[in-house]
Amino acid sequence: MRHCYVRFTLGLTFIACLIFSLVTMNLPFAALYLALGIGFLSSAYALWKKDRDERR
């Protein structure tokens, strides 16, 4: 479960970086942070769902 929390935290961090990059109009990095944020958050969700299903 620790991996899920780490990936979720990293995903939220990259989403915060995305917002900052959009405010400063740094669009190439905004696209990078969007991809990284979505990747980490979807990975955390998949791990969380897999762990939840195994406990049932």
N, C-alpha and C. Protein backbone atom coordinates (compact mmCIF):
# COMPACT_ATOMS: atom_id res chain seq x y z
N MET A 1 0.82 -1.19 0.00
CA MET A 1 0.00 0.00 0.00
C MET A 1 0.87 1.26 0.00
N ARG A 2 2.10 1.12 0.50
CA ARG A 2 3.00 2.26 0.55
C ARG A 2 3.28 2.79 -0.86
N HIS A 3 3.41 1.90 -1.83
CA HIS A 3 3.66 2.33 -3.21
C HIS A 3 2.51 3.18 -3.74
N CYS A 4 1.31 2.83 -3.35
CA CYS A 4 0.14 3.58 -3.78
C CYS A 4 0.19 5.01 -3.26
N TYR A 5 0.55 5.17 -1.99
CA TYR A 5 0.62 6.50 -1.39
C TYR A 5 1.72 7.34 -2.02
N VAL A 6 2.86 6.72 -2.30
CA VAL A 6 3.97 7.45 -2.92
C VAL A 6 3.58 7.91 -4.31
N ARG A 7 2.97 7.04 -5.08
CA ARG A 7 2.56 7.41 -6.44
C ARG A 7 1.47 8.46 -6.44
N PHE A 8 0.56 8.38 -5.48
CA PHE A 8 -0.50 9.37 -5.37
C PHE A 8 0.09 10.74 -5.02
N THR A 9 1.05 10.76 -4.10
CA THR A 9 1.70 12.01 -3.72
C THR A 9 2.47 12.61 -4.89
N LEU A 10 3.19 11.79 -5.62
CA LEU A 10 3.92 12.27 -6.79
C LEU A 10 2.96 12.78 -7.86
N GLY A 11 1.85 12.10 -8.05
CA GLY A 11 0.86 12.55 -9.01
C GLY A 11 0.30 13.91 -8.66
N LEU A 12 -0.01 14.12 -7.39
CA LEU A 12 -0.52 15.43 -6.96
C LEU A 12 0.55 16.51 -7.09
N THR A 13 1.80 16.16 -6.84
CA THR A 13 2.89 17.11 -6.99
C THR A 13 3.03 17.55 -8.44
N PHE A 14 2.95 16.60 -9.34
CA PHE A 14 3.06 16.95 -10.76
C PHE A 14 1.85 17.75 -11.24
N ILE A 15 0.69 17.51 -10.69
CA ILE A 15 -0.48 18.32 -11.04
C ILE A 15 -0.30 19.75 -10.54
N ALA A 16 0.29 19.91 -9.35
CA ALA A 16 0.59 21.26 -8.85
C ALA A 16 1.61 21.95 -9.75
N CYS A 17 2.61 21.22 -10.21
CA CYS A 17 3.59 21.78 -11.15
C CYS A 17 2.93 22.15 -12.47
N LEU A 18 1.96 21.37 -12.89
CA LEU A 18 1.21 21.67 -14.11
C LEU A 18 0.49 23.01 -13.97
N ILE A 19 -0.16 23.21 -12.85
CA ILE A 19 -0.89 24.47 -12.64
C ILE A 19 0.08 25.65 -12.64
N PHE A 20 1.22 25.49 -11.98
CA PHE A 20 2.21 26.57 -11.95
C PHE A 20 2.75 26.85 -13.36
N SER A 21 2.98 25.80 -14.13
CA SER A 21 3.49 25.98 -15.49
C SER A 21 2.46 26.66 -16.39
N LEU A 22 1.19 26.37 -16.18
CA LEU A 22 0.15 27.04 -16.96
C LEU A 22 0.05 28.52 -16.60
N VAL A 23 0.22 28.83 -15.32
CA VAL A 23 0.17 30.23 -14.89
C VAL A 23 1.33 31.02 -15.50
N THR A 24 2.51 30.40 -15.55
CA THR A 24 3.69 31.09 -16.10
C THR A 24 3.80 30.91 -17.61
N MET A 25 2.81 30.25 -18.22
CA MET A 25 2.76 30.03 -19.67
C MET A 25 3.96 29.25 -20.21
N ASN A 26 4.43 28.29 -19.43
CA ASN A 26 5.49 27.40 -19.87
C ASN A 26 4.83 26.12 -20.39
N LEU A 27 4.35 26.18 -21.62
CA LEU A 27 3.50 25.12 -22.16
C LEU A 27 4.21 23.78 -22.39
N PRO A 28 5.49 23.75 -22.82
CA PRO A 28 6.13 22.44 -22.97
C PRO A 28 6.22 21.67 -21.65
N PHE A 29 6.57 22.37 -20.58
CA PHE A 29 6.63 21.70 -19.29
C PHE A 29 5.23 21.38 -18.76
N ALA A 30 4.25 22.18 -19.09
CA ALA A 30 2.88 21.88 -18.68
C ALA A 30 2.42 20.56 -19.30
N ALA A 31 2.76 20.34 -20.54
CA ALA A 31 2.41 19.07 -21.20
C ALA A 31 3.13 17.90 -20.54
N LEU A 32 4.40 18.11 -20.20
CA LEU A 32 5.17 17.06 -19.53
C LEU A 32 4.56 16.73 -18.17
N TYR A 33 4.24 17.76 -17.38
CA TYR A 33 3.66 17.54 -16.06
C TYR A 33 2.27 16.92 -16.14
N LEU A 34 1.53 17.24 -17.18
CA LEU A 34 0.23 16.62 -17.38
C LEU A 34 0.38 15.12 -17.60
N ALA A 35 1.32 14.75 -18.47
CA ALA A 35 1.54 13.33 -18.75
C ALA A 35 2.03 12.59 -17.50
N LEU A 36 2.96 13.19 -16.78
CA LEU A 36 3.48 12.54 -15.58
C LEU A 36 2.43 12.44 -14.49
N GLY A 37 1.65 13.51 -14.30
CA GLY A 37 0.60 13.49 -13.29
C GLY A 37 -0.45 12.44 -13.57
N ILE A 38 -0.90 12.37 -14.81
CA ILE A 38 -1.90 11.36 -15.17
C ILE A 38 -1.32 9.96 -15.03
N GLY A 39 -0.07 9.78 -15.42
CA GLY A 39 0.57 8.47 -15.30
C GLY A 39 0.67 8.00 -13.86
N PHE A 40 1.13 8.87 -12.98
CA PHE A 40 1.27 8.48 -11.59
C PHE A 40 -0.09 8.28 -10.91
N LEU A 41 -1.05 9.15 -11.19
CA LEU A 41 -2.36 9.01 -10.55
C LEU A 41 -3.10 7.76 -11.05
N SER A 42 -2.98 7.45 -12.33
CA SER A 42 -3.64 6.23 -12.83
C SER A 42 -2.95 4.98 -12.29
N SER A 43 -1.65 5.03 -12.14
CA SER A 43 -0.93 3.91 -11.56
C SER A 43 -1.31 3.71 -10.09
N ALA A 44 -1.44 4.80 -9.35
CA ALA A 44 -1.86 4.70 -7.95
C ALA A 44 -3.27 4.14 -7.84
N TYR A 45 -4.15 4.57 -8.72
CA TYR A 45 -5.53 4.06 -8.70
C TYR A 45 -5.56 2.57 -9.02
N ALA A 46 -4.77 2.15 -9.99
CA ALA A 46 -4.74 0.73 -10.35
C ALA A 46 -4.22 -0.12 -9.19
N LEU A 47 -3.18 0.35 -8.51
CA LEU A 47 -2.66 -0.39 -7.35
C LEU A 47 -3.68 -0.43 -6.22
N TRP A 48 -4.35 0.69 -5.98
CA TRP A 48 -5.34 0.75 -4.92
C TRP A 48 -6.50 -0.20 -5.21
N LYS A 49 -6.95 -0.21 -6.45
CA LYS A 49 -8.06 -1.08 -6.83
C LYS A 49 -7.67 -2.55 -6.75
N LYS A 50 -6.46 -2.87 -7.19
CA LYS A 50 -5.98 -4.25 -7.12
C LYS A 50 -5.87 -4.71 -5.67
N ASP A 51 -5.35 -3.87 -4.80
CA ASP A 51 -5.22 -4.21 -3.39
C ASP A 51 -6.59 -4.36 -2.74
N ARG A 52 -7.53 -3.51 -3.10
CA ARG A 52 -8.88 -3.59 -2.55
C ARG A 52 -9.57 -4.88 -2.97
N ASP A 53 -9.38 -5.28 -4.24
CA ASP A 53 -10.03 -6.50 -4.73
C ASP A 53 -9.41 -7.74 -4.11
N GLU A 54 -8.11 -7.70 -3.81
CA GLU A 54 -7.47 -8.87 -3.18
C GLU A 54 -7.91 -9.07 -1.74
N ARG A 55 -8.31 -8.01 -1.08
CA ARG A 55 -8.72 -8.12 0.31
C ARG A 55 -10.13 -8.66 0.47
N ARG A 56 -10.92 -8.66 -0.59
CA ARG A 56 -12.30 -9.15 -0.52
C ARG A 56 -12.38 -10.63 -0.53
